Amino acid sequence: MFSAAGFVSLLLVSGMNLLTPILPLYAQEFDATSTEIGVVVGSFAIGRVLFDVAGGSWSDRYGPRSIALTGCLVTAGGSVIAGATNSLSVLIAARAVQGVGSALYVTSAMLLVIAIAPRDKIGQRISQYQGIFIIGLAIGPIVGGVTADAFGMRAPFYAYAGIAVVGFIIVAITFPSLNEVPRNREAVHARGPRTSKKVLLRRLLAHPVFIAALLVTFTVSLVRAGIRNTILPLYAGDVIEMSTSSIGALLTVSALGNLLALWGAGRLLDGGRRKATTVISLLLSGCTVGLFAITQEELWLFVLAGMLGAFTGYATAAPTAGVVDAAEEEVRGTAVGVQRMAMDVGLLLGPIALSTLLPTTGFSAVFLIAASLLVMVAFVAIAIRETKVPVIA
């Protein structure tokens, strides 16, 4: 089950990131302003924000398989519309539909991965699964850039639709039904009498570790979407005059740095170093983003992109482990959905906010503002206690 979920995730994330190097440039073909470009990039997150929590709760109710199948079909439909339209407003709406499909698949697949993971290896499984995502982040941009250069800006959208259809077929064959999803019944029995879901949700929403995980997730997502997916491609194209293929390679280097970091992050997190990993990775990420403000050479841009990917890799895995620590099994689907929503709010606001600032402040100021956000959240995380890694005998 883990391999099937991981492989479909690899396909869909690769497909999604076919669009990353070309999307701001594609939006310019519609005579979009800098703010409208941010809306095109960020509108994907609108659908995800609206359906993240629903995807988690529906997965608890109907099973990950049904929700994942729906997500693949919705993604395919949105991709075809986005590639075929000549209207900016329709493009924005189609991107939101893609986001709905992504929310349904990613949340249900993550819940399945957590359900089948041994409790003392949650960090490693999360890191491995997110590492699969990063492989998709690495493959997608460079393939998308080359595809756009060879076949035009619309080709990556149709390729994404085809990938989603392949994902649908694999999910239909391999994902378990609701009754076949593993349950950690030992943990439920050890806790004693059954507690109502409403009480468990109130406990979750008041849990300081859960709140901190949401804050870190939101901030890292905002900076990654605003800097990596929007400002950095524009900076590389407008200031350093890189081609779309080179921009795709730049984003691939960032994703490879993220991937390499995740292999070590799992062991650190399962060793009880969730807090330290979070704080240090946020500080180093902030410093790296700040250095973009003074970088004018293409070589150094590649170096910093790789560093940013590595440091944010640790900052991405740690909050998810904290969510698993804080959430009881009966509300884990909702907890994962709420965390995904925090991530996607960051994905939505990051491109819009930073691209809106760009015309008045310039690239250097935008990089420094994003760096400051990461550093401030690092200091907030210092005040949160370390969580204990739960082990079921």
Protein backbone atom coordinates (compact mmCIF):
# COMPACT_ATOMS: atom_id res chain seq x y z
CA MET A 1 0.00 0.00 0.00
CA PHE A 2 2.81 2.43 0.84
CA SER A 3 4.51 1.82 -2.51
CA ALA A 4 1.27 2.30 -4.45
CA ALA A 5 0.38 5.52 -2.61
CA GLY A 6 3.92 6.75 -3.07
CA PHE A 7 4.05 5.97 -6.78
CA VAL A 8 0.75 7.69 -7.56
CA SER A 9 1.86 10.66 -5.47
CA LEU A 10 5.09 10.76 -7.47
CA LEU A 11 3.08 10.83 -10.71
CA LEU A 12 0.68 13.55 -9.57
CA VAL A 13 3.31 15.77 -7.98
CA SER A 14 5.48 15.46 -11.06
CA GLY A 15 2.48 16.42 -13.17
CA MET A 16 1.62 19.37 -10.97
CA ASN A 17 5.20 20.62 -11.16
CA LEU A 18 5.34 20.38 -14.93
CA LEU A 19 3.55 23.72 -14.66
CA THR A 20 5.84 25.40 -12.13
CA PRO A 21 8.50 26.90 -14.45
CA ILE A 22 6.02 28.00 -17.11
CA LEU A 23 2.95 29.14 -15.16
CA PRO A 24 4.00 32.77 -14.50
CA LEU A 25 5.12 33.07 -18.13
CA TYR A 26 1.94 31.37 -19.39
CA ALA A 27 -0.15 33.87 -17.42
CA GLN A 28 1.75 36.71 -19.10
CA GLU A 29 0.36 35.47 -22.44
CA PHE A 30 -3.07 36.50 -21.11
CA ASP A 31 -1.71 40.05 -20.48
CA ALA A 32 -1.91 39.40 -16.73
CA THR A 33 -0.53 41.96 -14.29
CA SER A 34 1.97 40.93 -11.62
CA THR A 35 -0.87 40.60 -9.10
CA GLU A 36 -2.92 38.51 -11.53
CA ILE A 37 0.08 36.26 -12.10
CA GLY A 38 0.16 35.68 -8.35
CA VAL A 39 -3.56 34.85 -8.43
CA VAL A 40 -3.03 32.32 -11.25
CA VAL A 41 -0.23 30.62 -9.31
CA GLY A 42 -2.07 30.80 -5.98
CA SER A 43 -5.56 29.85 -7.21
CA PHE A 44 -4.50 26.19 -7.16
CA ALA A 45 -4.43 26.56 -3.38
CA ILE A 46 -8.01 27.89 -3.24
CA GLY A 47 -9.43 24.50 -4.15
CA ARG A 48 -7.06 22.79 -1.75
CA VAL A 49 -7.97 25.09 1.13
CA LEU A 50 -11.69 24.47 0.60
CA PHE A 51 -11.39 20.69 0.42
CA ASP A 52 -8.42 19.71 2.64
CA VAL A 53 -10.45 19.16 5.80
CA ALA A 54 -13.31 17.61 3.86
CA GLY A 55 -10.88 15.24 2.17
CA GLY A 56 -9.57 14.08 5.54
CA SER A 57 -12.98 13.61 7.15
CA TRP A 58 -14.40 11.93 4.02
CA SER A 59 -11.42 9.56 4.00
CA ASP A 60 -12.25 8.59 7.59
CA ARG A 61 -15.87 7.99 6.57
CA TYR A 62 -15.67 6.49 3.07
CA GLY A 63 -12.08 5.26 2.90
CA PRO A 64 -8.98 6.68 1.22
CA ARG A 65 -9.59 4.75 -2.00
CA SER A 66 -12.88 6.45 -2.91
CA ILE A 67 -11.57 9.93 -2.16
CA ALA A 68 -8.29 9.34 -4.00
CA LEU A 69 -10.14 8.15 -7.11
CA THR A 70 -12.29 11.26 -7.08
CA GLY A 71 -9.23 13.44 -6.67
CA CYS A 72 -7.53 11.96 -9.73
CA LEU A 73 -10.57 12.53 -11.95
CA VAL A 74 -11.07 16.11 -10.79
CA THR A 75 -7.38 16.86 -11.39
CA ALA A 76 -7.57 15.53 -14.94
CA GLY A 77 -10.63 17.62 -15.76
CA GLY A 78 -9.16 20.84 -14.38
CA SER A 79 -5.92 20.31 -16.30
CA VAL A 80 -7.68 19.88 -19.64
CA ILE A 81 -9.70 23.06 -19.10
CA ALA A 82 -6.61 25.06 -18.08
CA GLY A 83 -4.74 23.98 -21.20
CA ALA A 84 -7.63 24.66 -23.58
CA THR A 85 -8.89 28.04 -22.38
CA ASN A 86 -8.12 31.48 -23.80
CA SER A 87 -9.67 33.29 -20.82
CA LEU A 88 -7.71 34.41 -17.76
CA SER A 89 -10.73 33.99 -15.49
CA VAL A 90 -11.34 30.44 -16.76
CA LEU A 91 -7.65 29.65 -16.26
CA ILE A 92 -7.88 30.80 -12.64
CA ALA A 93 -11.03 28.71 -12.10
CA ALA A 94 -9.44 25.64 -13.72
CA ARG A 95 -6.40 26.00 -11.49
CA ALA A 96 -8.75 26.00 -8.48
CA VAL A 97 -10.35 22.78 -9.79
CA GLN A 98 -6.89 21.24 -10.05
CA GLY A 99 -6.43 22.22 -6.41
CA VAL A 100 -9.64 20.44 -5.37
CA GLY A 101 -8.41 17.24 -6.99
CA SER A 102 -5.01 17.58 -5.36
CA ALA A 103 -6.57 18.13 -1.92
CA LEU A 104 -8.72 15.03 -2.17
CA TYR A 105 -5.90 12.77 -3.34
CA VAL A 106 -3.03 14.06 -1.17
CA THR A 107 -5.00 14.14 2.09
CA SER A 108 -6.44 10.65 1.61
CA ALA A 109 -3.06 9.21 0.60
CA MET A 110 -1.28 10.82 3.56
CA LEU A 111 -3.88 9.39 5.93
CA LEU A 112 -3.34 5.93 4.45
CA VAL A 113 0.44 6.22 4.86
CA ILE A 114 0.05 7.24 8.52
CA ALA A 115 -2.43 4.40 9.15
CA ILE A 116 -0.03 1.70 7.93
CA ALA A 117 3.12 3.15 9.56
CA PRO A 118 4.58 1.59 12.77
CA ARG A 119 4.07 4.10 15.60
CA ASP A 120 7.78 4.30 16.43
CA LYS A 121 8.68 5.04 12.81
CA ILE A 122 6.15 7.74 11.99
CA GLY A 123 8.88 10.30 11.32
CA GLN A 124 10.70 8.03 8.90
CA ARG A 125 7.55 7.11 6.99
CA ILE A 126 6.48 10.76 6.75
CA SER A 127 9.94 11.73 5.53
CA GLN A 128 10.02 8.86 3.02
CA TYR A 129 6.59 9.80 1.70
CA GLN A 130 7.46 13.48 1.47
CA GLY A 131 10.72 12.45 -0.17
CA ILE A 132 8.64 10.83 -2.90
CA PHE A 133 6.87 14.17 -3.28
CA ILE A 134 10.22 15.89 -3.64
CA ILE A 135 11.29 13.51 -6.39
CA GLY A 136 8.19 14.72 -8.20
CA LEU A 137 9.21 18.30 -7.46
CA ALA A 138 12.62 17.54 -8.96
CA ILE A 139 11.34 15.74 -12.06
CA GLY A 140 8.41 18.00 -12.86
CA PRO A 141 9.98 21.44 -13.41
CA ILE A 142 12.78 20.36 -15.72
CA VAL A 143 10.46 18.13 -17.79
CA GLY A 144 7.85 20.89 -17.86
CA GLY A 145 10.36 23.47 -19.06
CA VAL A 146 11.66 21.21 -21.83
CA THR A 147 8.10 20.21 -22.82
CA ALA A 148 7.03 23.85 -23.06
CA ASP A 149 10.09 24.74 -25.14
CA ALA A 150 9.41 21.85 -27.52
CA PHE A 151 5.60 21.80 -27.79
CA GLY A 152 4.35 25.14 -26.44
CA MET A 153 3.06 26.46 -23.13
CA ARG A 154 -0.18 24.45 -23.21
CA ALA A 155 1.44 21.03 -23.55
CA PRO A 156 2.33 20.57 -19.84
CA PHE A 157 -1.36 20.98 -18.89
CA TYR A 158 -2.43 18.13 -21.16
CA ALA A 159 0.45 15.99 -19.92
CA TYR A 160 -0.74 16.60 -16.33
CA ALA A 161 -4.25 15.44 -17.29
CA GLY A 162 -2.88 12.21 -18.76
CA ILE A 163 -0.81 11.56 -15.66
CA ALA A 164 -3.90 11.98 -13.46
CA VAL A 165 -5.76 9.37 -15.51
CA VAL A 166 -2.89 6.91 -15.02
CA GLY A 167 -3.04 7.65 -11.29
CA PHE A 168 -6.76 6.87 -11.26
CA ILE A 169 -6.14 3.44 -12.78
CA ILE A 170 -3.42 2.57 -10.25
CA VAL A 171 -5.54 3.70 -7.28
CA ALA A 172 -8.51 1.67 -8.53
CA ILE A 173 -6.36 -1.46 -8.67
CA THR A 174 -4.18 -1.14 -5.56
CA PHE A 175 -5.76 1.03 -2.82
CA PRO A 176 -7.63 -0.79 -0.02
CA SER A 177 -11.33 -0.30 0.68
CA LEU A 178 -12.49 1.32 3.92
CA ASN A 179 -12.77 -2.01 5.77
CA GLU A 180 -9.23 -2.98 4.73
CA VAL A 181 -7.51 0.14 6.13
CA PRO A 182 -5.39 -0.82 9.18
CA ARG A 183 -6.47 0.57 12.56
CA ASN A 184 -4.28 0.97 15.62
CA ARG A 185 -6.74 -0.77 17.93
CA GLU A 186 -4.15 -1.30 20.67
CA ALA A 187 -3.83 2.44 21.15
CA VAL A 188 -7.60 2.83 21.39
CA HIS A 189 -7.93 0.08 24.01
CA ALA A 190 -4.99 1.47 26.01
CA ARG A 191 -6.67 4.87 26.27
CA GLY A 192 -9.69 3.40 28.07
CA PRO A 193 -13.39 4.27 27.56
CA ARG A 194 -14.30 5.80 24.21
CA THR A 195 -14.17 9.59 24.09
CA SER A 196 -16.53 11.50 21.82
CA LYS A 197 -15.12 12.92 18.59
CA LYS A 198 -16.15 16.45 19.59
CA VAL A 199 -14.09 16.24 22.77
CA LEU A 200 -11.11 14.87 20.86
CA LEU A 201 -11.37 17.71 18.35
CA ARG A 202 -11.48 20.32 21.14
CA ARG A 203 -8.37 18.78 22.69
CA LEU A 204 -6.63 18.78 19.34
CA LEU A 205 -7.42 22.41 18.53
CA ALA A 206 -6.15 23.50 21.96
CA HIS A 207 -2.95 21.43 21.81
CA PRO A 208 0.09 23.79 21.73
CA VAL A 209 2.13 21.38 19.60
CA PHE A 210 -0.66 21.17 17.05
CA ILE A 211 -1.02 24.97 16.95
CA ALA A 212 2.74 25.40 16.53
CA ALA A 213 2.77 22.78 13.76
CA LEU A 214 0.09 24.73 11.90
CA LEU A 215 2.03 28.00 12.24
CA VAL A 216 5.26 26.47 10.98
CA THR A 217 3.48 24.66 8.15
CA PHE A 218 1.72 27.85 7.05
CA THR A 219 4.88 29.98 7.10
CA VAL A 220 7.12 27.50 5.28
CA SER A 221 4.40 26.94 2.68
CA LEU A 222 3.91 30.69 2.18
CA VAL A 223 7.61 31.28 1.63
CA ARG A 224 8.11 28.24 -0.61
CA ALA A 225 5.13 29.12 -2.82
CA GLY A 226 5.85 32.83 -2.86
CA ILE A 227 9.62 32.59 -3.36
CA ARG A 228 10.29 29.27 -5.08
CA ASN A 229 7.20 29.10 -7.29
CA THR A 230 6.68 32.77 -8.10
CA ILE A 231 9.39 35.31 -7.23
CA LEU A 232 12.40 33.10 -8.00
CA PRO A 233 11.29 32.16 -11.55
CA LEU A 234 10.50 35.82 -12.27
CA TYR A 235 13.84 36.93 -10.78
CA ALA A 236 15.73 34.30 -12.77
CA GLY A 237 13.96 35.25 -16.00
CA ASP A 238 13.76 39.05 -15.69
CA VAL A 239 17.00 39.87 -13.84
CA ILE A 240 19.39 37.02 -14.65
CA GLU A 241 17.76 36.33 -18.06
CA MET A 242 17.63 32.55 -17.75
CA SER A 243 15.65 30.41 -20.23
CA THR A 244 12.58 28.42 -19.19
CA SER A 245 14.65 25.21 -19.32
CA SER A 246 17.26 26.76 -17.01
CA ILE A 247 14.54 27.97 -14.64
CA GLY A 248 13.15 24.44 -14.57
CA ALA A 249 16.63 23.12 -13.75
CA LEU A 250 16.95 25.73 -10.97
CA LEU A 251 13.73 24.54 -9.33
CA THR A 252 14.84 20.92 -9.77
CA VAL A 253 18.06 21.67 -7.86
CA SER A 254 15.97 23.12 -5.04
CA ALA A 255 13.82 19.99 -4.99
CA LEU A 256 16.89 17.72 -4.96
CA GLY A 257 18.24 19.57 -1.93
CA ASN A 258 14.89 19.01 -0.25
CA LEU A 259 14.97 15.32 -1.11
CA LEU A 260 18.47 14.74 0.27
CA ALA A 261 17.52 16.43 3.55
CA LEU A 262 14.39 14.33 4.04
CA TRP A 263 16.28 11.04 4.18
CA GLY A 264 17.99 12.22 7.38
CA ALA A 265 15.03 14.11 8.80
CA GLY A 266 13.03 10.98 9.62
CA ARG A 267 15.63 9.54 11.98
CA LEU A 268 16.10 12.88 13.72
CA LEU A 269 12.36 13.20 14.28
CA ASP A 270 11.90 9.64 15.55
CA GLY A 271 14.86 10.24 17.87
CA GLY A 272 12.83 12.88 19.71
CA ARG A 273 14.40 15.96 18.11
CA ARG A 274 11.28 17.45 16.58
CA LYS A 275 11.61 20.89 18.20
CA ALA A 276 15.34 21.34 17.56
CA THR A 277 14.94 20.22 13.96
CA THR A 278 12.13 22.73 13.43
CA VAL A 279 13.91 25.73 14.97
CA ILE A 280 17.30 25.21 13.30
CA SER A 281 15.82 24.50 9.87
CA LEU A 282 13.65 27.64 10.03
CA LEU A 283 16.63 29.83 10.95
CA LEU A 284 18.81 28.41 8.17
CA SER A 285 15.95 28.72 5.67
CA GLY A 286 15.52 32.38 6.61
CA CYS A 287 19.22 33.11 6.16
CA THR A 288 19.23 31.44 2.74
CA VAL A 289 16.21 33.39 1.48
CA GLY A 290 17.89 36.58 2.67
CA LEU A 291 20.97 35.79 0.58
CA PHE A 292 18.86 35.76 -2.60
CA ALA A 293 18.59 39.54 -2.15
CA ILE A 294 22.28 40.02 -2.94
CA THR A 295 22.73 37.28 -5.54
CA GLN A 296 23.29 38.31 -9.15
CA GLU A 297 25.18 35.29 -10.52
CA GLU A 298 23.42 32.26 -12.00
CA LEU A 299 25.81 29.81 -10.31
CA TRP A 300 25.13 31.20 -6.84
CA LEU A 301 21.41 31.18 -7.55
CA PHE A 302 21.64 27.42 -8.10
CA VAL A 303 23.67 26.98 -4.89
CA LEU A 304 21.19 28.93 -2.80
CA ALA A 305 18.22 27.13 -4.38
CA GLY A 306 19.73 23.80 -3.33
CA MET A 307 20.38 25.08 0.20
CA LEU A 308 16.83 26.39 0.53
CA GLY A 309 15.43 23.06 -0.57
CA ALA A 310 17.54 21.20 1.99
CA PHE A 311 16.66 23.42 4.94
CA THR A 312 12.95 23.59 4.18
CA GLY A 313 12.92 19.80 3.86
CA TYR A 314 13.54 19.50 7.58
CA ALA A 315 11.06 22.29 8.33
CA THR A 316 8.36 20.46 6.35
CA ALA A 317 8.66 17.00 7.91
CA ALA A 318 8.84 18.11 11.56
CA PRO A 319 5.37 19.75 11.79
CA THR A 320 3.64 16.68 10.31
CA ALA A 321 5.26 14.48 12.97
CA GLY A 322 3.98 16.93 15.58
CA VAL A 323 0.45 16.65 14.20
CA VAL A 324 0.57 12.86 14.52
CA ASP A 325 1.83 13.22 18.12
CA ALA A 326 -1.02 15.56 19.05
CA ALA A 327 -3.96 13.84 17.31
CA GLU A 328 -5.91 10.82 18.54
CA GLU A 329 -6.57 8.22 15.86
CA GLU A 330 -10.30 8.97 15.61
CA VAL A 331 -9.60 12.56 14.53
CA ARG A 332 -6.34 12.01 12.68
CA GLY A 333 -7.96 12.45 9.28
CA THR A 334 -9.32 15.82 10.36
CA ALA A 335 -5.96 16.78 11.90
CA VAL A 336 -4.11 15.97 8.68
CA GLY A 337 -6.75 17.88 6.73
CA VAL A 338 -6.40 20.95 8.94
CA GLN A 339 -2.62 20.86 8.55
CA ARG A 340 -2.98 20.52 4.80
CA MET A 341 -5.33 23.52 4.90
CA ALA A 342 -2.71 25.57 6.77
CA MET A 343 -0.19 24.57 4.10
CA ASP A 344 -2.53 25.51 1.30
CA VAL A 345 -3.47 28.86 2.81
CA GLY A 346 0.26 29.55 2.65
CA LEU A 347 0.33 28.34 -0.95
CA LEU A 348 -2.54 30.70 -1.73
CA LEU A 349 -1.32 33.82 0.09
CA GLY A 350 2.40 33.48 -0.65
CA PRO A 351 2.32 34.09 -4.42
CA ILE A 352 -0.37 36.78 -4.16
CA ALA A 353 1.21 38.70 -1.27
CA LEU A 354 4.80 38.62 -2.49
CA SER A 355 3.97 39.32 -6.13
CA THR A 356 1.79 42.26 -5.03
CA LEU A 357 4.71 43.70 -3.07
CA LEU A 358 7.11 43.24 -5.98
CA PRO A 359 6.27 46.32 -8.11
CA THR A 360 6.71 48.75 -5.20
CA THR A 361 9.53 47.13 -3.21
CA GLY A 362 11.62 45.23 -5.77
CA PHE A 363 13.08 41.74 -5.63
CA SER A 364 15.60 42.34 -2.82
CA ALA A 365 13.00 43.67 -0.38
CA VAL A 366 10.63 40.77 -1.11
CA PHE A 367 13.39 38.24 -0.35
CA LEU A 368 14.23 40.01 2.93
CA ILE A 369 10.57 40.15 4.01
CA ALA A 370 10.17 36.42 3.41
CA ALA A 371 13.39 35.71 5.30
CA SER A 372 12.15 37.72 8.27
CA LEU A 373 8.94 35.69 8.47
CA LEU A 374 10.89 32.43 8.76
CA VAL A 375 13.17 33.78 11.47
CA MET A 376 10.25 35.13 13.53
CA VAL A 377 8.43 31.80 13.45
CA ALA A 378 11.65 30.05 14.51
CA PHE A 379 11.70 32.12 17.68
CA VAL A 380 8.04 31.31 18.33
CA ALA A 381 8.82 27.59 17.96
CA ILE A 382 11.50 27.86 20.64
CA ALA A 383 8.75 28.38 23.24
CA ILE A 384 6.93 25.12 22.36
CA ARG A 385 7.79 22.02 24.36
CA GLU A 386 9.33 18.94 22.74
CA THR A 387 6.90 16.09 22.03
CA LYS A 388 7.55 12.51 23.00
CA VAL A 389 7.59 9.88 20.29
CA PRO A 390 4.73 7.48 21.06
CA VAL A 391 5.60 3.79 21.00
CA ILE A 392 3.00 1.03 21.13
CA ALA A 393 4.33 -2.20 22.55
